[in-house]
Each structure stands twice: as structure tokens, then as C-alpha cells.
Amino acid sequence: MFNLPNLLTLFRLALLPLIILLLFIPASWAAAVALTLYVLGAVTDWLDGYVARKYNQVTEFGTFMDPISDKIYVVTIMLTLVATDRIAGIWVVLVLAILVREFLISGLREYLGPKNIKVPVSDLAKWKTAAQMVATGLLIIAPYMFGGYVLGILALFGATALTLYTAWDYMKAGWAHMKSDLESESE
């Protein structure tokens, strides 16, 4: 369990309390430090997978924990951005759509897991996570950057579109298994 990729995954989660604390400080320096730490955490998301594959350090823990830590990382920061009014008004719906998707797909994996049906992370879902991270990073610094809020919301809109599209992909794949279960139960 204690190899470099897994430690990077856990490090990403360990950054969260400090980033959250900084986001509640209404000062440009705090936003800049929060953004720096956030980007550092986002880079570990790419780095942990790269190191695991390149140096044959893929573990069950890492395969399980990396996508979960991505969700925790992005969703926690997004909720903090809502709490600090960096995402406000109607735009909160975008965050809710992302939250619903993450819970839905996690539930699907939970449902299919006991059946030994794996739902691998798709390449598009990796792009979805990257888009969410970019949008979130822009919104961290938005109050202190000219046009930052508009750019951040546009990026969040794009990330949400990818999020919903990947949800549809996963649900189509999972539906075939759920449908066969429903049919066998009704017999």
C-alpha cells in the first residue's frame, strides 16, 4: 500500500483542509496560495497514475482510492466554492449536477461490484475530471482575476456537460446488467 503513487493520492486528500481554510479567507494572497496548493494536488492526480503504470506499482488500493480521491478532492472544493459564494445563484445547479453524477456512478459501481462486473474509468471520464479541476481552479482565483468569474463559470458549464455525458455512457453500460437482473427477478 505504501508506494509513491498511493502516497501521492493520500497527499492530495491531505491538502484539502488547508485549501478549504484558505478559501474562507477573503484575501487575494489566500486565493493565490489556495490555487497553488490546489494545482499541486491536481498534478498529483496525473502523477500518481503515471508513476504507478510506468514503474509497475499499480495496486488494488490505488485502483480503488485514486478515483475516489479525485471525486472527494473536486467535490469538496466545489462545495467550498458554493459556501464562499464563488459559485452562486443558478450556477449552483451545475455543482448539483456534478454531485448527482458522482453519487450515481459510485452507486452503479457498488451495485455491479458484487457481481464481479468492473466499470473501468473511461478516457473521457479522465478528461471530465481534468475539466472539473480546471474550472474549479479558475473559480478559486476568480474574485481576484479580471473576467475570472465568467471564465470559471464557462469552464464549469463545459465540465458539467462532460460530466453528464460520461454519466450517460456509464449508465448505458450498467443498464444492460441491471435490466437482466430485473428480468430474472420477474420470472
N, C-alpha and C. Protein backbone atom coordinates (compact mmCIF):
# COMPACT_ATOMS: atom_id res chain seq x y z
N MET A 1 0.82 -1.20 0.00
CA MET A 1 0.00 0.00 0.00
C MET A 1 0.87 1.26 0.00
N PHE A 2 1.97 1.24 0.72
CA PHE A 2 2.77 2.45 0.85
C PHE A 2 3.82 2.54 -0.25
N ASN A 3 3.36 2.81 -1.45
CA ASN A 3 4.27 3.12 -2.54
C ASN A 3 4.03 4.57 -2.94
N LEU A 4 4.86 5.09 -3.81
CA LEU A 4 4.78 6.51 -4.17
C LEU A 4 3.42 6.90 -4.75
N PRO A 5 2.86 6.15 -5.70
CA PRO A 5 1.56 6.56 -6.24
C PRO A 5 0.46 6.65 -5.17
N ASN A 6 0.43 5.68 -4.26
CA ASN A 6 -0.59 5.72 -3.22
C ASN A 6 -0.37 6.87 -2.24
N LEU A 7 0.89 7.16 -1.95
CA LEU A 7 1.19 8.30 -1.07
C LEU A 7 0.79 9.62 -1.74
N LEU A 8 0.98 9.71 -3.05
CA LEU A 8 0.55 10.92 -3.78
C LEU A 8 -0.97 11.08 -3.72
N THR A 9 -1.68 9.97 -3.85
CA THR A 9 -3.14 10.01 -3.75
C THR A 9 -3.57 10.50 -2.38
N LEU A 10 -2.95 9.98 -1.33
CA LEU A 10 -3.29 10.40 0.03
C LEU A 10 -2.86 11.83 0.31
N PHE A 11 -1.73 12.25 -0.28
CA PHE A 11 -1.26 13.63 -0.14
C PHE A 11 -2.29 14.60 -0.70
N ARG A 12 -2.89 14.25 -1.84
CA ARG A 12 -3.92 15.10 -2.45
C ARG A 12 -5.05 15.34 -1.45
N LEU A 13 -5.47 14.30 -0.77
CA LEU A 13 -6.55 14.45 0.21
C LEU A 13 -6.09 15.25 1.43
N ALA A 14 -4.83 15.08 1.80
CA ALA A 14 -4.30 15.81 2.96
C ALA A 14 -4.24 17.32 2.72
N LEU A 15 -4.17 17.73 1.46
CA LEU A 15 -4.15 19.16 1.13
C LEU A 15 -5.50 19.84 1.36
N LEU A 16 -6.58 19.06 1.31
CA LEU A 16 -7.92 19.64 1.35
C LEU A 16 -8.20 20.57 2.53
N PRO A 17 -7.91 20.18 3.78
CA PRO A 17 -8.25 21.09 4.89
C PRO A 17 -7.58 22.46 4.77
N LEU A 18 -6.34 22.48 4.33
CA LEU A 18 -5.63 23.76 4.19
C LEU A 18 -6.23 24.60 3.06
N ILE A 19 -6.55 23.97 1.94
CA ILE A 19 -7.16 24.70 0.83
C ILE A 19 -8.51 25.27 1.26
N ILE A 20 -9.31 24.47 1.94
CA ILE A 20 -10.62 24.93 2.40
C ILE A 20 -10.46 26.12 3.34
N LEU A 21 -9.56 26.01 4.29
CA LEU A 21 -9.31 27.12 5.22
C LEU A 21 -8.94 28.39 4.47
N LEU A 22 -8.04 28.27 3.51
CA LEU A 22 -7.60 29.44 2.73
C LEU A 22 -8.75 30.05 1.93
N LEU A 23 -9.67 29.23 1.43
CA LEU A 23 -10.79 29.76 0.64
C LEU A 23 -11.74 30.60 1.48
N PHE A 24 -11.74 30.39 2.78
CA PHE A 24 -12.60 31.20 3.65
C PHE A 24 -11.94 32.51 4.08
N ILE A 25 -10.70 32.73 3.67
CA ILE A 25 -10.02 33.99 3.96
C ILE A 25 -10.20 34.90 2.75
N PRO A 26 -10.92 36.02 2.92
CA PRO A 26 -11.21 36.89 1.77
C PRO A 26 -10.04 37.81 1.42
N ALA A 27 -8.98 37.22 0.89
CA ALA A 27 -7.80 38.00 0.50
C ALA A 27 -7.17 37.36 -0.72
N SER A 28 -6.60 38.19 -1.57
CA SER A 28 -6.01 37.68 -2.80
C SER A 28 -4.84 36.73 -2.52
N TRP A 29 -4.05 37.02 -1.48
CA TRP A 29 -2.92 36.14 -1.16
C TRP A 29 -3.42 34.74 -0.78
N ALA A 30 -4.55 34.68 -0.05
CA ALA A 30 -5.10 33.39 0.37
C ALA A 30 -5.60 32.61 -0.85
N ALA A 31 -6.24 33.31 -1.78
CA ALA A 31 -6.71 32.65 -3.01
C ALA A 31 -5.52 32.14 -3.83
N ALA A 32 -4.45 32.93 -3.88
CA ALA A 32 -3.27 32.53 -4.65
C ALA A 32 -2.61 31.29 -4.03
N VAL A 33 -2.51 31.26 -2.70
CA VAL A 33 -1.93 30.09 -2.04
C VAL A 33 -2.86 28.88 -2.21
N ALA A 34 -4.17 29.11 -2.06
CA ALA A 34 -5.14 28.02 -2.25
C ALA A 34 -5.04 27.46 -3.66
N LEU A 35 -4.93 28.34 -4.65
CA LEU A 35 -4.81 27.89 -6.04
C LEU A 35 -3.52 27.10 -6.24
N THR A 36 -2.43 27.58 -5.67
CA THR A 36 -1.15 26.88 -5.80
C THR A 36 -1.24 25.47 -5.21
N LEU A 37 -1.80 25.37 -4.01
CA LEU A 37 -1.95 24.05 -3.38
C LEU A 37 -2.92 23.17 -4.17
N TYR A 38 -3.98 23.79 -4.69
CA TYR A 38 -4.97 23.05 -5.48
C TYR A 38 -4.32 22.48 -6.74
N VAL A 39 -3.54 23.30 -7.43
CA VAL A 39 -2.85 22.84 -8.64
C VAL A 39 -1.87 21.73 -8.29
N LEU A 40 -1.15 21.88 -7.18
CA LEU A 40 -0.24 20.83 -6.72
C LEU A 40 -1.00 19.51 -6.54
N GLY A 41 -2.15 19.59 -5.89
CA GLY A 41 -2.97 18.39 -5.71
C GLY A 41 -3.46 17.82 -7.03
N ALA A 42 -3.85 18.70 -7.95
CA ALA A 42 -4.33 18.25 -9.27
C ALA A 42 -3.21 17.56 -10.04
N VAL A 43 -2.00 18.08 -9.92
CA VAL A 43 -0.85 17.47 -10.60
C VAL A 43 -0.59 16.06 -10.03
N THR A 44 -0.79 15.89 -8.73
CA THR A 44 -0.59 14.55 -8.15
C THR A 44 -1.59 13.56 -8.73
N ASP A 45 -2.75 14.05 -9.18
CA ASP A 45 -3.73 13.15 -9.79
C ASP A 45 -3.17 12.53 -11.06
N TRP A 46 -2.50 13.32 -11.85
CA TRP A 46 -1.87 12.79 -13.06
C TRP A 46 -0.64 11.96 -12.70
N LEU A 47 0.17 12.49 -11.77
CA LEU A 47 1.45 11.88 -11.44
C LEU A 47 1.30 10.50 -10.80
N ASP A 48 0.31 10.34 -9.93
CA ASP A 48 0.18 9.03 -9.26
C ASP A 48 -0.11 7.92 -10.27
N GLY A 49 -0.98 8.19 -11.23
CA GLY A 49 -1.27 7.19 -12.26
C GLY A 49 -0.09 6.92 -13.16
N TYR A 50 0.62 7.98 -13.53
CA TYR A 50 1.79 7.84 -14.40
C TYR A 50 2.86 6.98 -13.74
N VAL A 51 3.18 7.30 -12.49
CA VAL A 51 4.22 6.56 -11.76
C VAL A 51 3.78 5.11 -11.56
N ALA A 52 2.51 4.91 -11.21
CA ALA A 52 2.02 3.54 -10.98
C ALA A 52 2.16 2.68 -12.22
N ARG A 53 1.80 3.24 -13.38
CA ARG A 53 1.89 2.46 -14.62
C ARG A 53 3.34 2.29 -15.08
N LYS A 54 4.11 3.37 -15.05
CA LYS A 54 5.48 3.34 -15.57
C LYS A 54 6.38 2.40 -14.75
N TYR A 55 6.21 2.42 -13.44
CA TYR A 55 7.09 1.63 -12.57
C TYR A 55 6.40 0.39 -12.00
N ASN A 56 5.32 -0.01 -12.65
CA ASN A 56 4.60 -1.23 -12.28
C ASN A 56 4.26 -1.24 -10.78
N GLN A 57 3.69 -0.12 -10.31
CA GLN A 57 3.30 -0.01 -8.92
C GLN A 57 1.78 0.11 -8.77
N VAL A 58 1.05 -0.44 -9.72
CA VAL A 58 -0.41 -0.43 -9.65
C VAL A 58 -0.84 -1.39 -8.54
N THR A 59 -1.67 -0.89 -7.63
CA THR A 59 -2.17 -1.72 -6.53
C THR A 59 -3.69 -1.67 -6.51
N GLU A 60 -4.30 -2.63 -5.82
CA GLU A 60 -5.75 -2.61 -5.67
C GLU A 60 -6.17 -1.36 -4.91
N PHE A 61 -5.41 -1.01 -3.88
CA PHE A 61 -5.72 0.20 -3.11
C PHE A 61 -5.71 1.42 -4.01
N GLY A 62 -4.68 1.58 -4.82
CA GLY A 62 -4.58 2.73 -5.71
C GLY A 62 -5.67 2.75 -6.76
N THR A 63 -5.98 1.58 -7.33
CA THR A 63 -7.04 1.49 -8.33
C THR A 63 -8.38 1.88 -7.73
N PHE A 64 -8.59 1.53 -6.47
CA PHE A 64 -9.82 1.87 -5.77
C PHE A 64 -9.81 3.33 -5.30
N MET A 65 -8.70 3.75 -4.68
CA MET A 65 -8.66 5.03 -3.99
C MET A 65 -8.46 6.23 -4.91
N ASP A 66 -7.74 6.07 -6.00
CA ASP A 66 -7.47 7.23 -6.86
C ASP A 66 -8.74 7.87 -7.41
N PRO A 67 -9.67 7.12 -8.01
CA PRO A 67 -10.88 7.79 -8.50
C PRO A 67 -11.74 8.36 -7.38
N ILE A 68 -11.73 7.70 -6.22
CA ILE A 68 -12.50 8.23 -5.09
C ILE A 68 -11.88 9.53 -4.59
N SER A 69 -10.55 9.56 -4.49
CA SER A 69 -9.90 10.78 -4.01
C SER A 69 -10.10 11.92 -5.00
N ASP A 70 -10.16 11.61 -6.31
CA ASP A 70 -10.46 12.65 -7.29
C ASP A 70 -11.82 13.27 -7.01
N LYS A 71 -12.80 12.42 -6.77
CA LYS A 71 -14.16 12.90 -6.51
C LYS A 71 -14.20 13.73 -5.23
N ILE A 72 -13.60 13.19 -4.17
CA ILE A 72 -13.57 13.91 -2.90
C ILE A 72 -12.89 15.26 -3.08
N TYR A 73 -11.77 15.27 -3.78
CA TYR A 73 -10.99 16.49 -3.98
C TYR A 73 -11.80 17.56 -4.71
N VAL A 74 -12.34 17.20 -5.86
CA VAL A 74 -13.05 18.18 -6.68
C VAL A 74 -14.36 18.59 -6.02
N VAL A 75 -15.14 17.63 -5.54
CA VAL A 75 -16.46 17.95 -4.98
C VAL A 75 -16.32 18.77 -3.70
N THR A 76 -15.36 18.45 -2.86
CA THR A 76 -15.17 19.22 -1.62
C THR A 76 -14.82 20.67 -1.94
N ILE A 77 -13.94 20.87 -2.89
CA ILE A 77 -13.58 22.24 -3.26
C ILE A 77 -14.77 22.95 -3.89
N MET A 78 -15.52 22.26 -4.75
CA MET A 78 -16.70 22.89 -5.36
C MET A 78 -17.72 23.31 -4.30
N LEU A 79 -17.95 22.44 -3.31
CA LEU A 79 -18.89 22.80 -2.24
C LEU A 79 -18.36 23.98 -1.43
N THR A 80 -17.05 24.04 -1.25
CA THR A 80 -16.46 25.19 -0.56
C THR A 80 -16.63 26.45 -1.39
N LEU A 81 -16.51 26.34 -2.71
CA LEU A 81 -16.72 27.50 -3.58
C LEU A 81 -18.17 27.97 -3.51
N VAL A 82 -19.11 27.05 -3.35
CA VAL A 82 -20.51 27.43 -3.14
C VAL A 82 -20.65 28.13 -1.79
N ALA A 83 -20.04 27.56 -0.76
CA ALA A 83 -20.13 28.14 0.59
C ALA A 83 -19.52 29.53 0.67
N THR A 84 -18.53 29.81 -0.17
CA THR A 84 -17.88 31.12 -0.16
C THR A 84 -18.40 32.03 -1.28
N ASP A 85 -19.50 31.65 -1.90
CA ASP A 85 -20.18 32.43 -2.94
C ASP A 85 -19.35 32.65 -4.21
N ARG A 86 -18.35 31.83 -4.43
CA ARG A 86 -17.65 31.90 -5.72
C ARG A 86 -18.48 31.20 -6.80
N ILE A 87 -19.31 30.26 -6.38
CA ILE A 87 -20.33 29.69 -7.25
C ILE A 87 -21.65 29.99 -6.54
N ALA A 88 -22.49 30.78 -7.19
CA ALA A 88 -23.71 31.23 -6.52
C ALA A 88 -24.88 31.27 -7.51
N GLY A 89 -26.06 31.46 -6.96
CA GLY A 89 -27.25 31.61 -7.80
C GLY A 89 -27.53 30.35 -8.60
N ILE A 90 -27.98 30.56 -9.81
CA ILE A 90 -28.37 29.46 -10.70
C ILE A 90 -27.21 28.52 -11.00
N TRP A 91 -26.00 29.01 -10.89
CA TRP A 91 -24.82 28.20 -11.24
C TRP A 91 -24.58 27.06 -10.26
N VAL A 92 -25.21 27.13 -9.09
CA VAL A 92 -25.11 26.04 -8.12
C VAL A 92 -25.69 24.76 -8.72
N VAL A 93 -26.63 24.91 -9.65
CA VAL A 93 -27.22 23.74 -10.33
C VAL A 93 -26.14 22.92 -11.03
N LEU A 94 -25.12 23.58 -11.56
CA LEU A 94 -24.03 22.86 -12.22
C LEU A 94 -23.29 21.97 -11.22
N VAL A 95 -23.06 22.50 -10.04
CA VAL A 95 -22.39 21.72 -9.00
C VAL A 95 -23.28 20.55 -8.57
N LEU A 96 -24.58 20.81 -8.43
CA LEU A 96 -25.51 19.74 -8.06
C LEU A 96 -25.53 18.63 -9.11
N ALA A 97 -25.48 19.01 -10.38
CA ALA A 97 -25.45 18.00 -11.45
C ALA A 97 -24.19 17.14 -11.34
N ILE A 98 -23.07 17.78 -11.04
CA ILE A 98 -21.82 17.03 -10.87
C ILE A 98 -21.92 16.10 -9.66
N LEU A 99 -22.47 16.60 -8.55
CA LEU A 99 -22.63 15.76 -7.36
C LEU A 99 -23.52 14.55 -7.63
N VAL A 100 -24.65 14.79 -8.29
CA VAL A 100 -25.58 13.70 -8.59
C VAL A 100 -24.89 12.65 -9.45
N ARG A 101 -24.16 13.09 -10.45
CA ARG A 101 -23.45 12.15 -11.33
C ARG A 101 -22.47 11.30 -10.54
N GLU A 102 -21.70 11.96 -9.67
CA GLU A 102 -20.68 11.23 -8.92
C GLU A 102 -21.31 10.18 -8.01
N PHE A 103 -22.41 10.54 -7.33
CA PHE A 103 -23.10 9.57 -6.48
C PHE A 103 -23.73 8.45 -7.31
N LEU A 104 -24.31 8.80 -8.44
CA LEU A 104 -24.96 7.83 -9.31
C LEU A 104 -23.96 6.79 -9.81
N ILE A 105 -22.83 7.25 -10.30
CA ILE A 105 -21.83 6.33 -10.84
C ILE A 105 -21.19 5.51 -9.72
N SER A 106 -20.98 6.12 -8.57
CA SER A 106 -20.46 5.36 -7.42
C SER A 106 -21.45 4.28 -7.02
N GLY A 107 -22.74 4.61 -7.03
CA GLY A 107 -23.78 3.63 -6.72
C GLY A 107 -23.81 2.51 -7.75
N LEU A 108 -23.64 2.86 -9.01
CA LEU A 108 -23.60 1.86 -10.07
C LEU A 108 -22.44 0.90 -9.85
N ARG A 109 -21.28 1.45 -9.53
CA ARG A 109 -20.11 0.60 -9.27
C ARG A 109 -20.36 -0.31 -8.06
N GLU A 110 -21.00 0.26 -7.04
CA GLU A 110 -21.33 -0.52 -5.84
C GLU A 110 -22.29 -1.66 -6.17
N TYR A 111 -23.26 -1.39 -7.02
CA TYR A 111 -24.25 -2.39 -7.44
C TYR A 111 -23.59 -3.50 -8.25
N LEU A 112 -22.72 -3.13 -9.16
CA LEU A 112 -22.11 -4.11 -10.06
C LEU A 112 -20.93 -4.84 -9.43
N GLY A 113 -20.31 -4.24 -8.41
CA GLY A 113 -19.13 -4.84 -7.78
C GLY A 113 -19.33 -6.26 -7.29
N PRO A 114 -20.40 -6.54 -6.50
CA PRO A 114 -20.61 -7.92 -6.02
C PRO A 114 -20.84 -8.93 -7.15
N LYS A 115 -21.18 -8.45 -8.31
CA LYS A 115 -21.39 -9.33 -9.47
C LYS A 115 -20.08 -9.53 -10.24
N ASN A 116 -18.99 -8.99 -9.67
CA ASN A 116 -17.67 -9.05 -10.32
C ASN A 116 -17.66 -8.40 -11.69
N ILE A 117 -18.47 -7.36 -11.83
CA ILE A 117 -18.50 -6.59 -13.07
C ILE A 117 -17.76 -5.29 -12.79
N LYS A 118 -16.66 -5.11 -13.46
CA LYS A 118 -15.85 -3.90 -13.29
C LYS A 118 -16.37 -2.81 -14.21
N VAL A 119 -16.37 -1.59 -13.70
CA VAL A 119 -16.70 -0.43 -14.52
C VAL A 119 -15.43 0.41 -14.58
N PRO A 120 -14.59 0.17 -15.59
CA PRO A 120 -13.33 0.90 -15.65
C PRO A 120 -13.55 2.38 -15.94
N VAL A 121 -12.62 3.18 -15.49
CA VAL A 121 -12.67 4.62 -15.75
C VAL A 121 -12.35 4.82 -17.23
N SER A 122 -13.25 5.51 -17.93
CA SER A 122 -13.04 5.74 -19.36
C SER A 122 -12.08 6.91 -19.57
N ASP A 123 -11.51 6.98 -20.76
CA ASP A 123 -10.64 8.12 -21.09
C ASP A 123 -11.42 9.42 -21.00
N LEU A 124 -12.67 9.41 -21.47
CA LEU A 124 -13.48 10.62 -21.42
C LEU A 124 -13.74 11.04 -19.97
N ALA A 125 -13.89 10.07 -19.08
CA ALA A 125 -14.09 10.40 -17.66
C ALA A 125 -12.83 11.03 -17.07
N LYS A 126 -11.67 10.64 -17.57
CA LYS A 126 -10.43 11.29 -17.13
C LYS A 126 -10.40 12.74 -17.60
N TRP A 127 -10.86 12.98 -18.82
CA TRP A 127 -10.95 14.36 -19.33
C TRP A 127 -11.98 15.15 -18.53
N LYS A 128 -13.05 14.48 -18.13
CA LYS A 128 -14.08 15.11 -17.30
C LYS A 128 -13.48 15.60 -16.00
N THR A 129 -12.68 14.74 -15.37
CA THR A 129 -12.03 15.13 -14.11
C THR A 129 -11.09 16.31 -14.34
N ALA A 130 -10.33 16.27 -15.43
CA ALA A 130 -9.42 17.39 -15.74
C ALA A 130 -10.21 18.67 -15.96
N ALA A 131 -11.33 18.59 -16.68
CA ALA A 131 -12.16 19.78 -16.93
C ALA A 131 -12.73 20.32 -15.62
N GLN A 132 -13.16 19.43 -14.73
CA GLN A 132 -13.66 19.87 -13.43
C GLN A 132 -12.55 20.57 -12.64
N MET A 133 -11.35 20.03 -12.71
CA MET A 133 -10.23 20.62 -11.97
C MET A 133 -9.86 21.99 -12.52
N VAL A 134 -9.88 22.14 -13.84
CA VAL A 134 -9.58 23.45 -14.45
C VAL A 134 -10.64 24.47 -14.04
N ALA A 135 -11.91 24.09 -14.15
CA ALA A 135 -12.99 25.01 -13.79
C ALA A 135 -12.89 25.41 -12.32
N THR A 136 -12.63 24.44 -11.48
CA THR A 136 -12.53 24.71 -10.05
C THR A 136 -11.34 25.63 -9.76
N GLY A 137 -10.23 25.38 -10.40
CA GLY A 137 -9.06 26.25 -10.21
C GLY A 137 -9.35 27.69 -10.63
N LEU A 138 -10.02 27.85 -11.76
CA LEU A 138 -10.38 29.21 -12.21
C LEU A 138 -11.30 29.89 -11.20
N LEU A 139 -12.23 29.14 -10.63
CA LEU A 139 -13.18 29.75 -9.69
C LEU A 139 -12.53 30.04 -8.33
N ILE A 140 -11.46 29.35 -8.00
CA ILE A 140 -10.73 29.67 -6.76
C ILE A 140 -10.18 31.09 -6.85
N ILE A 141 -9.63 31.44 -7.99
CA ILE A 141 -8.96 32.74 -8.15
C ILE A 141 -9.89 33.79 -8.75
N ALA A 142 -11.08 33.40 -9.17
CA ALA A 142 -12.00 34.28 -9.91
C ALA A 142 -12.22 35.67 -9.29
N PRO A 143 -12.40 35.79 -7.98
CA PRO A 143 -12.67 37.13 -7.44
C PRO A 143 -11.50 38.11 -7.62
N TYR A 144 -10.33 37.59 -7.91
CA TYR A 144 -9.14 38.44 -7.98
C TYR A 144 -8.54 38.50 -9.38
N MET A 145 -9.31 38.04 -10.37
CA MET A 145 -8.83 38.00 -11.75
C MET A 145 -9.88 38.64 -12.65
N PHE A 146 -9.46 39.57 -13.49
CA PHE A 146 -10.40 40.22 -14.40
C PHE A 146 -11.04 39.18 -15.31
N GLY A 147 -12.35 39.12 -15.31
CA GLY A 147 -13.07 38.16 -16.14
C GLY A 147 -13.02 36.75 -15.61
N GLY A 148 -12.46 36.58 -14.43
CA GLY A 148 -12.27 35.24 -13.87
C GLY A 148 -13.57 34.50 -13.59
N TYR A 149 -14.57 35.24 -13.11
CA TYR A 149 -15.83 34.59 -12.78
C TYR A 149 -16.51 34.05 -14.04
N VAL A 150 -16.55 34.86 -15.09
CA VAL A 150 -17.18 34.44 -16.34
C VAL A 150 -16.43 33.24 -16.92
N LEU A 151 -15.11 33.34 -16.95
CA LEU A 151 -14.29 32.25 -17.47
C LEU A 151 -14.48 30.97 -16.64
N GLY A 152 -14.52 31.13 -15.33
CA GLY A 152 -14.70 29.98 -14.44
C GLY A 152 -16.06 29.32 -14.63
N ILE A 153 -17.11 30.12 -14.76
CA ILE A 153 -18.46 29.56 -14.96
C ILE A 153 -18.56 28.89 -16.32
N LEU A 154 -17.96 29.49 -17.35
CA LEU A 154 -17.96 28.84 -18.67
C LEU A 154 -17.24 27.49 -18.61
N ALA A 155 -16.11 27.46 -17.92
CA ALA A 155 -15.37 26.20 -17.77
C ALA A 155 -16.19 25.19 -16.96
N LEU A 156 -16.89 25.67 -15.93
CA LEU A 156 -17.74 24.79 -15.13
C LEU A 156 -18.89 24.23 -15.97
N PHE A 157 -19.43 25.07 -16.84
CA PHE A 157 -20.50 24.61 -17.73
C PHE A 157 -19.99 23.50 -18.64
N GLY A 158 -18.80 23.70 -19.22
CA GLY A 158 -18.19 22.66 -20.06
C GLY A 158 -17.91 21.39 -19.29
N ALA A 159 -17.38 21.54 -18.07
CA ALA A 159 -17.09 20.38 -17.23
C ALA A 159 -18.37 19.63 -16.88
N THR A 160 -19.44 20.38 -16.63
CA THR A 160 -20.72 19.74 -16.31
C THR A 160 -21.26 18.99 -17.52
N ALA A 161 -21.11 19.55 -18.70
CA ALA A 161 -21.56 18.86 -19.92
C ALA A 161 -20.81 17.53 -20.07
N LEU A 162 -19.50 17.55 -19.89
CA LEU A 162 -18.72 16.30 -19.94
C LEU A 162 -19.14 15.33 -18.84
N THR A 163 -19.42 15.87 -17.67
CA THR A 163 -19.85 15.06 -16.54
C THR A 163 -21.14 14.32 -16.86
N LEU A 164 -22.11 15.04 -17.42
CA LEU A 164 -23.39 14.42 -17.75
C LEU A 164 -23.25 13.42 -18.89
N TYR A 165 -22.41 13.74 -19.86
CA TYR A 165 -22.20 12.82 -20.97
C TYR A 165 -21.58 11.51 -20.49
N THR A 166 -20.57 11.61 -19.61
CA THR A 166 -19.95 10.38 -19.11
C THR A 166 -20.92 9.61 -18.22
N ALA A 167 -21.80 10.31 -17.51
CA ALA A 167 -22.82 9.62 -16.71
C ALA A 167 -23.70 8.79 -17.63
N TRP A 168 -24.10 9.37 -18.75
CA TRP A 168 -24.92 8.66 -19.72
C TRP A 168 -24.19 7.42 -20.23
N ASP A 169 -22.92 7.56 -20.55
CA ASP A 169 -22.11 6.42 -21.02
C ASP A 169 -22.09 5.29 -20.00
N TYR A 170 -21.79 5.65 -18.75
CA TYR A 170 -21.72 4.63 -17.70
C TYR A 170 -23.08 3.99 -17.45
N MET A 171 -24.13 4.79 -17.45
CA MET A 171 -25.46 4.25 -17.19
C MET A 171 -25.91 3.32 -18.31
N LYS A 172 -25.56 3.64 -19.55
CA LYS A 172 -25.88 2.73 -20.66
C LYS A 172 -25.19 1.38 -20.45
N ALA A 173 -23.94 1.42 -20.07
CA ALA A 173 -23.18 0.19 -19.84
C ALA A 173 -23.76 -0.59 -18.66
N GLY A 174 -24.12 0.12 -17.61
CA GLY A 174 -24.66 -0.54 -16.42
C GLY A 174 -26.09 -1.02 -16.59
N TRP A 175 -26.86 -0.32 -17.44
CA TRP A 175 -28.27 -0.66 -17.61
C TRP A 175 -28.46 -2.08 -18.13
N ALA A 176 -27.60 -2.53 -19.02
CA ALA A 176 -27.71 -3.88 -19.56
C ALA A 176 -27.67 -4.91 -18.43
N HIS A 177 -26.79 -4.70 -17.47
CA HIS A 177 -26.68 -5.63 -16.33
C HIS A 177 -27.89 -5.49 -15.40
N MET A 178 -28.33 -4.26 -15.16
CA MET A 178 -29.48 -4.06 -14.29
C MET A 178 -30.74 -4.63 -14.93
N LYS A 179 -30.88 -4.46 -16.24
CA LYS A 179 -32.05 -4.95 -16.97
C LYS A 179 -32.14 -6.47 -16.87
N SER A 180 -31.02 -7.15 -17.05
CA SER A 180 -31.05 -8.62 -16.96
C SER A 180 -31.39 -9.06 -15.54
N ASP A 181 -30.96 -8.32 -14.53
CA ASP A 181 -31.32 -8.64 -13.14
C ASP A 181 -32.82 -8.46 -12.93
N LEU A 182 -33.38 -7.37 -13.46
CA LEU A 182 -34.81 -7.12 -13.31
C LEU A 182 -35.63 -8.20 -14.01
N GLU A 183 -35.18 -8.61 -15.19
CA GLU A 183 -35.91 -9.64 -15.93
C GLU A 183 -35.86 -10.98 -15.20
N SER A 184 -34.72 -11.32 -14.63
CA SER A 184 -34.61 -12.60 -13.91
C SER A 184 -35.41 -12.57 -12.60
N GLU A 185 -35.54 -11.40 -11.99
CA GLU A 185 -36.33 -11.28 -10.76
C GLU A 185 -37.82 -11.41 -11.04
N SER A 186 -38.27 -10.97 -12.22
CA SER A 186 -39.69 -11.00 -12.54
C SER A 186 -40.15 -12.39 -13.01
N GLU A 187 -39.22 -13.28 -13.25
CA GLU A 187 -39.59 -14.63 -13.72
C GLU A 187 -39.97 -15.54 -12.58
